[in-house]
Amino acid sequence: MERLNAKLYLQNCYIVKENERLRKKAEILNQENQQLLIELNQKLSKTKDPNESKQGSSNLSSSSSASGQS
């Protein structure tokens, strides 16, 4: 029984370590995605005229709000 517990403990330690590694990787990817989104929004705002930019941002915020509710 002790042998089984030791084996399960080691597996658990490995899983916890892997989980921490994946969490850090996900955090980095999220930061990269946020930066890319900022850059994309900046490029889009430069290409649109001011009237379209206001309409586009209100449409974007309403669609993101709707998707967040589902």
N, C-alpha and C. Protein backbone atom coordinates (compact mmCIF):
# COMPACT_ATOMS: atom_id res chain seq x y z
N MET A 1 0.83 -1.20 0.00
CA MET A 1 0.00 0.00 0.00
C MET A 1 0.88 1.27 0.00
N GLU A 2 1.95 1.24 0.80
CA GLU A 2 2.85 2.40 0.83
C GLU A 2 3.50 2.63 -0.53
N ARG A 3 3.80 1.54 -1.20
CA ARG A 3 4.43 1.65 -2.52
C ARG A 3 3.47 2.32 -3.50
N LEU A 4 2.22 1.93 -3.45
CA LEU A 4 1.21 2.54 -4.32
C LEU A 4 1.04 4.02 -3.99
N ASN A 5 1.00 4.34 -2.71
CA ASN A 5 0.88 5.75 -2.30
C ASN A 5 2.07 6.57 -2.79
N ALA A 6 3.26 6.01 -2.70
CA ALA A 6 4.45 6.72 -3.16
C ALA A 6 4.39 6.95 -4.66
N LYS A 7 3.93 5.96 -5.40
CA LYS A 7 3.81 6.09 -6.85
C LYS A 7 2.77 7.16 -7.20
N LEU A 8 1.64 7.14 -6.52
CA LEU A 8 0.60 8.14 -6.77
C LEU A 8 1.08 9.54 -6.39
N TYR A 9 1.84 9.63 -5.32
CA TYR A 9 2.38 10.91 -4.90
C TYR A 9 3.31 11.49 -5.96
N LEU A 10 4.17 10.65 -6.52
CA LEU A 10 5.10 11.11 -7.55
C LEU A 10 4.35 11.53 -8.82
N GLN A 11 3.30 10.78 -9.16
CA GLN A 11 2.49 11.15 -10.32
C GLN A 11 1.81 12.50 -10.08
N ASN A 12 1.32 12.68 -8.87
CA ASN A 12 0.67 13.93 -8.52
C ASN A 12 1.65 15.10 -8.60
N CYS A 13 2.85 14.90 -8.11
CA CYS A 13 3.87 15.95 -8.18
C CYS A 13 4.17 16.32 -9.63
N TYR A 14 4.27 15.31 -10.48
CA TYR A 14 4.53 15.55 -11.90
C TYR A 14 3.38 16.35 -12.52
N ILE A 15 2.16 15.99 -12.19
CA ILE A 15 0.99 16.67 -12.74
C ILE A 15 0.95 18.12 -12.28
N VAL A 16 1.24 18.36 -11.02
CA VAL A 16 1.25 19.73 -10.49
C VAL A 16 2.31 20.57 -11.20
N LYS A 17 3.49 20.00 -11.38
CA LYS A 17 4.58 20.72 -12.06
C LYS A 17 4.21 21.02 -13.51
N GLU A 18 3.64 20.05 -14.19
CA GLU A 18 3.22 20.24 -15.58
C GLU A 18 2.11 21.29 -15.67
N ASN A 19 1.22 21.27 -14.72
CA ASN A 19 0.13 22.25 -14.68
C ASN A 19 0.68 23.67 -14.52
N GLU A 20 1.65 23.84 -13.66
CA GLU A 20 2.28 25.15 -13.48
C GLU A 20 2.97 25.61 -14.76
N ARG A 21 3.64 24.68 -15.43
CA ARG A 21 4.33 25.02 -16.69
C ARG A 21 3.32 25.47 -17.74
N LEU A 22 2.23 24.73 -17.85
CA LEU A 22 1.20 25.07 -18.83
C LEU A 22 0.50 26.39 -18.49
N ARG A 23 0.30 26.63 -17.21
CA ARG A 23 -0.33 27.88 -16.79
C ARG A 23 0.55 29.07 -17.17
N LYS A 24 1.86 28.95 -16.97
CA LYS A 24 2.77 30.03 -17.34
C LYS A 24 2.77 30.25 -18.85
N LYS A 25 2.75 29.14 -19.60
CA LYS A 25 2.73 29.25 -21.06
C LYS A 25 1.44 29.92 -21.52
N ALA A 26 0.32 29.56 -20.91
CA ALA A 26 -0.96 30.17 -21.27
C ALA A 26 -0.97 31.65 -20.95
N GLU A 27 -0.34 32.04 -19.85
CA GLU A 27 -0.27 33.45 -19.48
C GLU A 27 0.54 34.23 -20.51
N ILE A 28 1.66 33.66 -20.94
CA ILE A 28 2.49 34.31 -21.96
C ILE A 28 1.73 34.44 -23.27
N LEU A 29 1.05 33.38 -23.68
CA LEU A 29 0.27 33.43 -24.92
C LEU A 29 -0.85 34.46 -24.83
N ASN A 30 -1.47 34.56 -23.67
CA ASN A 30 -2.52 35.55 -23.49
C ASN A 30 -1.97 36.97 -23.62
N GLN A 31 -0.80 37.21 -23.03
CA GLN A 31 -0.18 38.53 -23.15
C GLN A 31 0.17 38.84 -24.60
N GLU A 32 0.68 37.85 -25.33
CA GLU A 32 1.00 38.05 -26.74
C GLU A 32 -0.26 38.35 -27.54
N ASN A 33 -1.33 37.63 -27.25
CA ASN A 33 -2.60 37.86 -27.95
C ASN A 33 -3.13 39.26 -27.67
N GLN A 34 -3.03 39.70 -26.42
CA GLN A 34 -3.49 41.05 -26.08
C GLN A 34 -2.68 42.10 -26.83
N GLN A 35 -1.37 41.91 -26.92
CA GLN A 35 -0.52 42.86 -27.63
C GLN A 35 -0.86 42.88 -29.12
N LEU A 36 -1.08 41.70 -29.70
CA LEU A 36 -1.46 41.64 -31.12
C LEU A 36 -2.80 42.31 -31.37
N LEU A 37 -3.73 42.14 -30.43
CA LEU A 37 -5.04 42.78 -30.57
C LEU A 37 -4.91 44.30 -30.51
N ILE A 38 -4.06 44.80 -29.63
CA ILE A 38 -3.82 46.24 -29.55
C ILE A 38 -3.25 46.75 -30.87
N GLU A 39 -2.25 46.03 -31.40
CA GLU A 39 -1.64 46.44 -32.67
C GLU A 39 -2.66 46.41 -33.81
N LEU A 40 -3.49 45.38 -33.83
CA LEU A 40 -4.50 45.28 -34.88
C LEU A 40 -5.50 46.43 -34.78
N ASN A 41 -5.94 46.73 -33.58
CA ASN A 41 -6.88 47.84 -33.39
C ASN A 41 -6.25 49.17 -33.80
N GLN A 42 -4.97 49.36 -33.51
CA GLN A 42 -4.29 50.58 -33.92
C GLN A 42 -4.22 50.69 -35.43
N LYS A 43 -3.90 49.58 -36.09
CA LYS A 43 -3.83 49.60 -37.56
C LYS A 43 -5.20 49.85 -38.16
N LEU A 44 -6.22 49.23 -37.59
CA LEU A 44 -7.57 49.43 -38.12
C LEU A 44 -8.04 50.86 -37.91
N SER A 45 -7.71 51.45 -36.79
CA SER A 45 -8.14 52.82 -36.52
C SER A 45 -7.43 53.81 -37.44
N LYS A 46 -6.23 53.48 -37.89
CA LYS A 46 -5.51 54.36 -38.82
C LYS A 46 -6.12 54.30 -40.22
N THR A 47 -6.67 53.16 -40.60
CA THR A 47 -7.19 53.01 -41.95
C THR A 47 -8.62 53.51 -42.10
N LYS A 48 -9.36 53.62 -41.01
CA LYS A 48 -10.75 54.08 -41.07
C LYS A 48 -10.80 55.59 -40.87
N ASP A 49 -11.86 56.22 -41.43
CA ASP A 49 -12.05 57.63 -41.13
C ASP A 49 -12.76 57.73 -39.77
N PRO A 50 -12.71 58.88 -39.13
CA PRO A 50 -13.21 59.00 -37.75
C PRO A 50 -14.67 58.56 -37.56
N ASN A 51 -15.55 58.83 -38.52
CA ASN A 51 -16.96 58.43 -38.37
C ASN A 51 -17.12 56.91 -38.36
N GLU A 52 -16.40 56.23 -39.25
CA GLU A 52 -16.48 54.77 -39.28
C GLU A 52 -15.88 54.16 -38.03
N SER A 53 -14.84 54.77 -37.50
CA SER A 53 -14.17 54.24 -36.32
C SER A 53 -15.12 54.21 -35.13
N LYS A 54 -15.93 55.26 -34.97
CA LYS A 54 -16.88 55.30 -33.86
C LYS A 54 -17.93 54.21 -34.02
N GLN A 55 -18.45 54.04 -35.23
CA GLN A 55 -19.45 53.00 -35.46
C GLN A 55 -18.86 51.61 -35.28
N GLY A 56 -17.65 51.40 -35.77
CA GLY A 56 -17.00 50.10 -35.66
C GLY A 56 -16.74 49.71 -34.22
N SER A 57 -16.32 50.67 -33.40
CA SER A 57 -16.02 50.34 -32.01
C SER A 57 -17.29 50.05 -31.24
N SER A 58 -18.41 50.73 -31.57
CA SER A 58 -19.65 50.42 -30.87
C SER A 58 -20.18 49.06 -31.30
N ASN A 59 -20.01 48.72 -32.57
CA ASN A 59 -20.42 47.39 -33.03
C ASN A 59 -19.55 46.32 -32.41
N LEU A 60 -18.25 46.57 -32.30
CA LEU A 60 -17.33 45.61 -31.72
C LEU A 60 -17.65 45.35 -30.25
N SER A 61 -17.94 46.42 -29.50
CA SER A 61 -18.22 46.26 -28.08
C SER A 61 -19.54 45.55 -27.87
N SER A 62 -20.54 45.83 -28.71
CA SER A 62 -21.83 45.15 -28.52
C SER A 62 -21.74 43.68 -28.91
N SER A 63 -20.94 43.36 -29.94
CA SER A 63 -20.81 41.95 -30.31
C SER A 63 -19.99 41.19 -29.29
N SER A 64 -18.98 41.84 -28.69
CA SER A 64 -18.18 41.14 -27.68
C SER A 64 -18.99 40.98 -26.41
N SER A 65 -19.89 41.91 -26.11
CA SER A 65 -20.75 41.76 -24.94
C SER A 65 -21.72 40.59 -25.14
N ALA A 66 -22.24 40.48 -26.34
CA ALA A 66 -23.18 39.40 -26.63
C ALA A 66 -22.50 38.06 -26.55
N SER A 67 -21.27 37.98 -27.06
CA SER A 67 -20.55 36.70 -27.02
C SER A 67 -20.16 36.34 -25.60
N GLY A 68 -19.93 37.34 -24.76
CA GLY A 68 -19.56 37.07 -23.38
C GLY A 68 -20.71 36.52 -22.55
N GLN A 69 -21.96 36.79 -23.01
CA GLN A 69 -23.12 36.33 -22.26
C GLN A 69 -23.47 34.90 -22.54
N SER A 70 -23.05 34.35 -23.68
CA SER A 70 -23.44 32.98 -24.03
C SER A 70 -22.64 31.93 -23.35
